[in-house]
Each structure stands twice: as structure tokens, then as C-alpha cells.
Amino acid sequence: MENLRNVGIDSVVAEKPQYVKHHISKKTRDAIFIIIMLAYPILQFVITWSFVNINSIIMAFQDVQGEFTFNNFKVIFDDIFNVNGTVQNHTGVSFLNDRTVILLNSFGFALVTIFISLPLSLLFAYFLHKKMPAANVFRFIFFLPNIIPVVALTFAFVTGFNTDFGGYFAKIFGIDQDLLTHYPTNQILVYGYCVWAGLGYNIILISGAIGRIPKELFESAELDHAGYFKEFIHVVIPCIWPTIVTLVVLGMTNVLTLYLQPYMLDSFGIGRYGTGTIAWNIFDAAQHQNKLNLRRASAYGLFFSLLWAPMIMLVRHFLSKKFEGVDY
């Protein structure tokens, strides 16, 4: 009986199904994770960029009748290299071409953002990090322009210069009101506004990056008797370099995207002559709903996108190699 019982148990054990674990390799798991994480941004790009802009790209190569043509791009070159002066300064002297001024203004925003706004943001963020008195108050003051609607912010800026709205700066420093509407003074004011309004955003990002730097690095610099300047150059800048590169890239994209600030300043009396940008030119063409203007504007945007986008990627590539090994 015992032998039969053992045989029965053995037969049950033999009949028990065997489950085999299927292990997914690390390489496969990583691939699945990457696909899932990239699915949303790719889908967003397809929906919000490709579907929206494909018609604009097609229109760039069409005339009013919808026939294929390169004439829209020919007009762009003619406008850029036309030397007939159409923009006047405050003395009434006509100089430059309005399209040339648009390009100068647009590329000027990149220079102002990178070589004026960014260095100021770095300095302010560094001194705020050094626990200066009322640092959090100053951080809030710098960031305040970013939470105020652009309409209210541009109006607040204009009230300091335009006597129609108070003009306290104009009265104190004796600024000629005629300068507000003539090039290049009006464009300088637009640049000044962009620096003033953009500092807070940069300071918040840079302050966050500086806050992540290990305290041991600052203590080591202090033991080596490094002053503020050396600490800023040799410790802070290398450690927050990826953030700086990001802000440089964002500053370069202003060339093709910035239009609302000069448009609003123009509405309140600063601008009117010679403060246009590439994006403003496209926006203005779209407002008129003219078939020819829309096609010219499409060609305008496509041309400068193809020209400037590789330049942005090239600058980012070379800047990223500056402190490639920095990590903490």
C-alpha cells in the first residue's frame, strides 16, 4: 500500500504543470521605457506642429492661384538687399530698408538676451545665493514681471517714458518725446523693456541651478582663499553650464518668435517706425488675410527657420562641449 501511495504521489507530482519564467532583458526594458517616454512629445509635435504648419510650408511655394513657384523667396531676397531707405530717424533722414531693419531688430534680440540679459541674470542670481539681505524679497521683485500680464507690464513700462501716460522718466531726464517713435531710439527702449521683463525668469532658473551645487565645492574654494570673482568663474559657471546653454538657446530662438512685446509697446506709443521683427511681420500679414501676403509670410518664416535653426543647433553643440565632463 505504501508503495502504491508513493507511486500515486509521484504521478501527481509528475502531472503538475511546470511554469517557466520569461525574463525580459534590460536592453528590451530600456527600449520600452524610451518608446513610452518619447511617444507623447512625438505625438504632440505631430499634432501641434506638423498638422498646423504643413499648409504653411505648402503655401510658401504657391502663388495666388495655387501654382508652384519660387517667386515668394525671390521677393524676400529683393526686400533684404534693397538699399532704398524707407526708415527715418527723428531728424527726418531716411536710411536703411524696412525689411533690413526688421532683420537687425530680430537678430538684435538674440544679442541683447545673450550678452546683456544673461550676464546680468547670472550676477544677480549669484549675489542672491550669497544670502544678501532681503534676498527672497529681491528674488520676488525680479520675478514679478513674469506673473503680470504683458499688456499691463508694457503699459507700466511706457508710463515712465510717454508723457501722455505720466512720463516720470521723460520729465526727470528731459527725454524728447519724438525719440519714442523714431528709429533707433524706440528700438533701444524695446530692448530695454525685454531685459527688464526677462531678468526674473532667468534668475529663477539660474538660482535653482546654483542651489544644486554641493556646498563642499564652495567650502573648498573658501579654504583656497578664492574670492567672489574666482568662485563665480571657476565653481559656479562650470557647474551650471547646462542651464546657461539652455538660456543661450532660448535667447537665440527669440529671433524667430518674439513679436508680442514690441507690438504691445507700439500700441502704447513706443515704436510705430522701425521696431518690427520677423515674427511681427508674419503676424501682421496673417491679420490682413490677403492670399498673396499669407504666401509671402509663409515663405518668410520657412526661409529664416531653415537658416537659423541649424545655427542654433551648431551653437548648442559647441557650447555643450565647453564643460562636458562637469557632473555632480
Protein backbone atom coordinates (compact mmCIF):
# COMPACT_ATOMS: atom_id res chain seq x y z
CA MET A 1 0.00 0.00 0.00
CA GLU A 2 2.79 2.36 0.88
CA ASN A 3 4.42 1.70 -2.49
CA LEU A 4 1.14 2.38 -4.28
CA ARG A 5 0.70 5.53 -2.26
CA ASN A 6 4.20 6.70 -3.26
CA VAL A 7 3.50 5.87 -6.88
CA GLY A 8 0.30 7.92 -6.74
CA ILE A 9 2.12 10.90 -5.23
CA ASP A 10 4.87 10.64 -7.84
CA SER A 11 2.29 10.58 -10.61
CA VAL A 12 0.57 13.70 -9.22
CA VAL A 13 3.90 15.46 -8.95
CA ALA A 14 4.77 14.42 -12.46
CA GLU A 15 1.47 15.72 -13.75
CA LYS A 16 1.89 19.17 -12.04
CA PRO A 17 2.35 21.81 -14.77
CA GLN A 18 5.72 23.48 -14.96
CA TYR A 19 5.72 27.30 -15.21
CA VAL A 20 8.67 28.85 -17.00
CA LYS A 21 9.57 32.46 -16.20
CA HIS A 22 10.19 34.62 -19.22
CA HIS A 23 12.76 37.26 -18.34
CA ILE A 24 12.80 40.46 -20.39
CA SER A 25 16.34 41.65 -20.98
CA LYS A 26 17.48 45.01 -19.62
CA LYS A 27 18.04 46.25 -23.16
CA THR A 28 14.42 45.45 -24.08
CA ARG A 29 13.08 47.11 -20.90
CA ASP A 30 15.11 50.23 -21.63
CA ALA A 31 13.81 50.31 -25.19
CA ILE A 32 10.18 50.01 -23.99
CA PHE A 33 10.72 52.80 -21.45
CA ILE A 34 12.25 55.11 -24.08
CA ILE A 35 9.41 54.43 -26.53
CA ILE A 36 6.76 55.18 -23.88
CA MET A 37 8.50 58.39 -22.77
CA LEU A 38 9.02 59.64 -26.34
CA ALA A 39 5.52 58.76 -27.53
CA TYR A 40 3.86 61.84 -26.01
CA PRO A 41 6.31 64.52 -27.23
CA ILE A 42 6.42 62.98 -30.71
CA LEU A 43 2.62 62.84 -30.85
CA GLN A 44 2.44 66.42 -29.60
CA PHE A 45 4.94 67.51 -32.26
CA VAL A 46 2.96 65.77 -35.00
CA ILE A 47 -0.36 67.26 -33.92
CA THR A 48 0.62 70.77 -32.80
CA TRP A 49 3.43 71.45 -35.28
CA SER A 50 3.23 69.22 -38.35
CA PHE A 51 -0.52 69.40 -38.91
CA VAL A 52 -0.56 73.14 -38.20
CA ASN A 53 2.46 74.09 -40.30
CA ILE A 54 2.26 71.71 -43.26
CA ASN A 55 -0.17 74.04 -45.01
CA SER A 56 2.13 76.99 -44.36
CA ILE A 57 5.05 75.14 -45.91
CA ILE A 58 2.95 74.32 -48.99
CA MET A 59 1.80 77.95 -49.30
CA ALA A 60 5.41 79.16 -49.32
CA PHE A 61 5.78 77.55 -52.77
CA GLN A 62 2.46 78.75 -54.20
CA ASP A 63 1.23 81.86 -55.95
CA VAL A 64 -2.25 83.35 -55.53
CA GLN A 65 -3.71 80.80 -57.97
CA GLY A 66 -2.11 77.93 -56.05
CA GLU A 67 0.51 77.20 -58.74
CA PHE A 68 4.03 76.12 -57.77
CA THR A 69 6.55 78.99 -57.72
CA PHE A 70 9.79 80.21 -56.13
CA ASN A 71 8.81 83.83 -56.61
CA ASN A 72 7.94 84.27 -52.93
CA PHE A 73 11.56 83.56 -51.98
CA LYS A 74 12.81 85.86 -54.73
CA VAL A 75 10.80 88.68 -53.18
CA ILE A 76 12.45 88.00 -49.83
CA PHE A 77 15.92 88.45 -51.31
CA ASP A 78 14.84 91.59 -53.14
CA ASP A 79 13.46 93.06 -49.92
CA ILE A 80 16.56 92.23 -47.87
CA PHE A 81 19.08 93.64 -50.32
CA ASN A 82 17.04 96.65 -51.42
CA VAL A 83 19.15 99.67 -50.39
CA ASN A 84 16.43 102.29 -50.80
CA GLY A 85 15.94 103.96 -47.42
CA THR A 86 12.41 103.84 -46.03
CA VAL A 87 13.01 104.14 -42.24
CA GLN A 88 13.53 107.66 -40.89
CA ASN A 89 15.23 108.83 -37.71
CA HIS A 90 13.92 111.69 -35.56
CA THR A 91 15.63 114.27 -37.78
CA GLY A 92 13.71 113.06 -40.82
CA VAL A 93 16.74 111.50 -42.53
CA SER A 94 15.73 108.35 -44.41
CA PHE A 95 18.08 105.39 -44.03
CA LEU A 96 18.08 101.61 -44.31
CA ASN A 97 15.33 99.44 -45.70
CA ASP A 98 12.36 98.49 -43.54
CA ARG A 99 12.99 94.78 -44.17
CA THR A 100 16.66 95.22 -43.26
CA VAL A 101 15.64 96.95 -40.04
CA ILE A 102 13.31 94.05 -39.24
CA LEU A 103 16.23 91.63 -39.55
CA LEU A 104 18.53 93.85 -37.48
CA ASN A 105 15.89 94.13 -34.77
CA SER A 106 15.22 90.38 -34.73
CA PHE A 107 18.85 89.30 -34.53
CA GLY A 108 19.46 92.09 -32.04
CA PHE A 109 17.13 90.40 -29.57
CA ALA A 110 19.44 87.37 -29.52
CA LEU A 111 22.48 89.55 -28.86
CA VAL A 112 20.73 91.55 -26.13
CA THR A 113 19.42 88.40 -24.43
CA ILE A 114 22.75 86.54 -24.53
CA PHE A 115 25.24 89.36 -23.88
CA ILE A 116 23.22 91.69 -21.61
CA SER A 117 20.26 89.93 -20.00
CA LEU A 118 22.01 86.60 -19.34
CA PRO A 119 25.19 88.07 -17.72
CA LEU A 120 23.05 90.35 -15.52
CA SER A 121 20.91 87.38 -14.52
CA LEU A 122 24.00 85.36 -13.62
CA LEU A 123 25.39 88.14 -11.43
CA PHE A 124 22.10 88.83 -9.67
CA ALA A 125 21.42 85.13 -9.08
CA TYR A 126 24.93 84.64 -7.65
CA PHE A 127 24.64 87.51 -5.19
CA LEU A 128 21.17 86.37 -4.16
CA HIS A 129 22.70 82.97 -3.48
CA LYS A 130 25.30 84.58 -1.19
CA LYS A 131 22.49 85.37 1.26
CA MET A 132 22.45 89.11 0.74
CA PRO A 133 19.94 90.97 2.95
CA ALA A 134 16.31 90.52 1.83
CA ALA A 135 17.40 88.06 -0.88
CA ASN A 136 13.96 86.44 -1.14
CA VAL A 137 12.30 89.85 -1.45
CA PHE A 138 14.60 90.79 -4.33
CA ARG A 139 14.02 87.40 -5.94
CA PHE A 140 10.27 88.06 -5.84
CA ILE A 141 10.74 91.58 -7.25
CA PHE A 142 12.78 90.22 -10.14
CA PHE A 143 10.21 87.52 -10.88
CA LEU A 144 7.20 89.84 -10.55
CA PRO A 145 7.17 90.89 -14.26
CA ASN A 146 6.69 87.24 -15.24
CA ILE A 147 3.38 86.91 -13.39
CA ILE A 148 1.89 90.19 -14.62
CA PRO A 149 0.02 90.15 -17.98
CA VAL A 150 2.11 91.55 -20.81
CA VAL A 151 -0.49 94.24 -21.54
CA ALA A 152 -0.25 95.63 -18.01
CA LEU A 153 3.51 95.24 -17.95
CA THR A 154 4.11 97.09 -21.21
CA PHE A 155 1.76 99.86 -20.10
CA ALA A 156 3.66 100.18 -16.80
CA PHE A 157 6.91 100.46 -18.75
CA VAL A 158 5.52 103.07 -21.14
CA THR A 159 4.24 105.29 -18.31
CA GLY A 160 7.83 106.04 -17.42
CA PHE A 161 8.66 107.45 -20.85
CA ASN A 162 5.50 108.65 -22.57
CA THR A 163 4.24 111.97 -21.17
CA ASP A 164 0.72 111.08 -22.30
CA PHE A 165 0.70 108.47 -19.51
CA GLY A 166 2.74 110.37 -16.89
CA GLY A 167 6.26 110.03 -18.25
CA TYR A 168 8.17 110.48 -14.98
CA PHE A 169 11.44 109.27 -16.54
CA ALA A 170 10.93 111.55 -19.52
CA LYS A 171 10.33 114.57 -17.26
CA ILE A 172 13.25 113.84 -14.93
CA PHE A 173 15.81 113.22 -17.68
CA GLY A 174 14.29 115.55 -20.28
CA ILE A 175 13.67 112.85 -22.91
CA ASP A 176 12.36 114.16 -26.21
CA GLN A 177 9.01 112.50 -26.90
CA ASP A 178 9.81 112.46 -30.60
CA LEU A 179 12.51 109.89 -29.88
CA LEU A 180 9.90 107.36 -28.75
CA THR A 181 8.57 106.91 -32.26
CA HIS A 182 11.74 107.09 -34.34
CA TYR A 183 14.46 104.59 -35.01
CA PRO A 184 16.83 103.64 -33.38
CA THR A 185 15.84 105.17 -30.03
CA ASN A 186 12.46 103.42 -29.99
CA GLN A 187 14.12 100.06 -30.66
CA ILE A 188 16.60 100.64 -27.81
CA LEU A 189 13.62 101.17 -25.48
CA VAL A 190 12.10 97.91 -26.72
CA TYR A 191 15.38 96.12 -25.95
CA GLY A 192 15.43 97.77 -22.52
CA TYR A 193 11.94 96.52 -21.78
CA CYS A 194 12.85 92.94 -22.79
CA VAL A 195 15.89 92.98 -20.49
CA TRP A 196 13.83 94.35 -17.60
CA ALA A 197 10.95 91.90 -18.08
CA GLY A 198 13.15 88.86 -18.77
CA LEU A 199 15.53 89.02 -15.81
CA GLY A 200 13.21 87.30 -13.37
CA TYR A 201 12.70 84.16 -15.45
CA ASN A 202 16.44 83.74 -15.96
CA ILE A 203 17.22 84.41 -12.29
CA ILE A 204 14.77 81.74 -11.11
CA LEU A 205 16.32 79.11 -13.39
CA ILE A 206 19.89 80.09 -12.55
CA SER A 207 19.17 80.28 -8.80
CA GLY A 208 17.79 76.76 -8.91
CA ALA A 209 20.91 75.53 -10.71
CA ILE A 210 23.24 77.29 -8.23
CA GLY A 211 21.27 75.84 -5.32
CA ARG A 212 22.10 72.32 -6.54
CA ILE A 213 25.86 72.89 -6.39
CA PRO A 214 27.35 70.84 -3.49
CA LYS A 215 28.33 73.01 -0.52
CA GLU A 216 31.66 71.21 -0.35
CA LEU A 217 32.76 72.98 -3.54
CA PHE A 218 32.12 76.40 -2.00
CA GLU A 219 33.88 75.33 1.20
CA SER A 220 36.85 74.12 -0.83
CA ALA A 221 37.01 77.43 -2.70
CA GLU A 222 36.88 79.29 0.63
CA LEU A 223 39.75 77.18 2.02
CA ASP A 224 41.75 78.06 -1.09
CA HIS A 225 41.09 81.76 -0.31
CA ALA A 226 39.16 82.23 -3.52
CA GLY A 227 37.22 85.49 -3.64
CA TYR A 228 33.76 86.02 -5.06
CA PHE A 229 35.09 86.54 -8.58
CA LYS A 230 37.17 83.33 -8.68
CA GLU A 231 34.40 81.34 -7.04
CA PHE A 232 31.93 82.64 -9.61
CA ILE A 233 34.20 81.87 -12.59
CA HIS A 234 35.76 78.57 -11.51
CA VAL A 235 32.98 76.97 -9.44
CA VAL A 236 29.58 78.42 -10.31
CA ILE A 237 29.89 78.84 -14.08
CA PRO A 238 31.19 75.31 -14.82
CA CYS A 239 28.61 73.67 -12.55
CA ILE A 240 25.60 75.46 -14.03
CA TRP A 241 26.87 75.40 -17.61
CA PRO A 242 23.98 73.21 -18.95
CA THR A 243 21.50 75.81 -17.66
CA ILE A 244 23.48 78.60 -19.31
CA VAL A 245 23.50 76.71 -22.62
CA THR A 246 19.72 76.27 -22.37
CA LEU A 247 19.22 80.01 -21.81
CA VAL A 248 21.51 80.83 -24.74
CA VAL A 249 19.45 78.57 -27.00
CA LEU A 250 16.22 80.18 -25.77
CA GLY A 251 17.74 83.61 -26.41
CA MET A 252 18.56 82.63 -29.97
CA THR A 253 15.02 81.40 -30.59
CA ASN A 254 13.78 84.95 -29.82
CA VAL A 255 14.99 85.88 -33.30
CA LEU A 256 12.11 83.95 -34.85
CA THR A 257 9.44 84.08 -32.14
CA LEU A 258 9.42 87.49 -30.44
CA TYR A 259 6.72 89.87 -31.58
CA LEU A 260 4.21 90.48 -28.78
CA GLN A 261 6.42 92.80 -26.71
CA PRO A 262 7.23 95.31 -29.50
CA TYR A 263 3.65 95.00 -30.75
CA MET A 264 2.22 95.99 -27.35
CA LEU A 265 4.79 98.76 -26.83
CA ASP A 266 3.87 100.11 -30.24
CA SER A 267 0.21 100.14 -29.20
CA PHE A 268 1.08 102.32 -26.20
CA GLY A 269 3.24 104.79 -28.12
CA ILE A 270 6.77 103.33 -28.28
CA GLY A 271 7.63 102.09 -31.74
CA ARG A 272 5.49 102.79 -34.81
CA TYR A 273 8.53 103.20 -37.05
CA GLY A 274 11.24 100.57 -37.28
CA THR A 275 10.51 98.24 -34.33
CA GLY A 276 9.18 95.28 -36.33
CA THR A 277 10.53 91.74 -36.13
CA ILE A 278 10.38 88.65 -38.32
CA ALA A 279 7.55 87.18 -36.23
CA TRP A 280 5.69 90.50 -36.17
CA ASN A 281 5.95 90.73 -39.95
CA ILE A 282 4.36 87.27 -40.29
CA PHE A 283 1.70 88.11 -37.67
CA ASP A 284 0.82 91.35 -39.47
CA ALA A 285 0.49 89.54 -42.81
CA ALA A 286 -1.84 86.96 -41.26
CA GLN A 287 -4.05 89.72 -39.84
CA HIS A 288 -4.78 91.16 -43.28
CA GLN A 289 -5.97 87.77 -44.64
CA ASN A 290 -4.55 88.61 -48.06
CA LYS A 291 -3.72 85.50 -50.10
CA LEU A 292 -0.51 86.96 -51.51
CA ASN A 293 0.62 88.30 -48.13
CA LEU A 294 -0.05 84.94 -46.48
CA ARG A 295 2.07 83.12 -49.05
CA ARG A 296 4.88 85.67 -48.76
CA ALA A 297 4.71 85.39 -44.98
CA SER A 298 4.88 81.58 -45.18
CA ALA A 299 7.97 81.79 -47.36
CA TYR A 300 9.44 84.37 -44.99
CA GLY A 301 9.00 82.12 -41.98
CA LEU A 302 10.23 78.98 -43.75
CA PHE A 303 13.31 80.72 -45.13
CA PHE A 304 14.52 82.07 -41.79
CA SER A 305 13.64 78.86 -39.95
CA LEU A 306 15.83 76.85 -42.31
CA LEU A 307 18.55 79.48 -41.97
CA TRP A 308 18.52 79.94 -38.21
CA ALA A 309 17.60 76.51 -36.80
CA PRO A 310 20.90 74.85 -37.87
CA MET A 311 22.78 77.83 -36.40
CA ILE A 312 21.07 77.29 -33.03
CA MET A 313 21.93 73.59 -33.06
CA LEU A 314 25.53 74.35 -34.01
CA VAL A 315 25.96 76.88 -31.19
CA ARG A 316 24.41 74.44 -28.73
CA HIS A 317 26.76 71.68 -29.89
CA PHE A 318 29.91 73.75 -29.36
CA LEU A 319 28.77 75.27 -26.07
CA SER A 320 27.85 71.86 -24.67
CA LYS A 321 31.44 70.71 -25.18
CA LYS A 322 32.87 73.58 -23.10
CA PHE A 323 32.39 71.80 -19.73
CA GLU A 324 31.38 68.38 -21.00
CA GLY A 325 32.74 66.46 -18.02
CA VAL A 326 31.10 68.51 -15.25
CA ASP A 327 28.73 66.42 -13.16
CA TYR A 328 27.64 66.32 -9.52
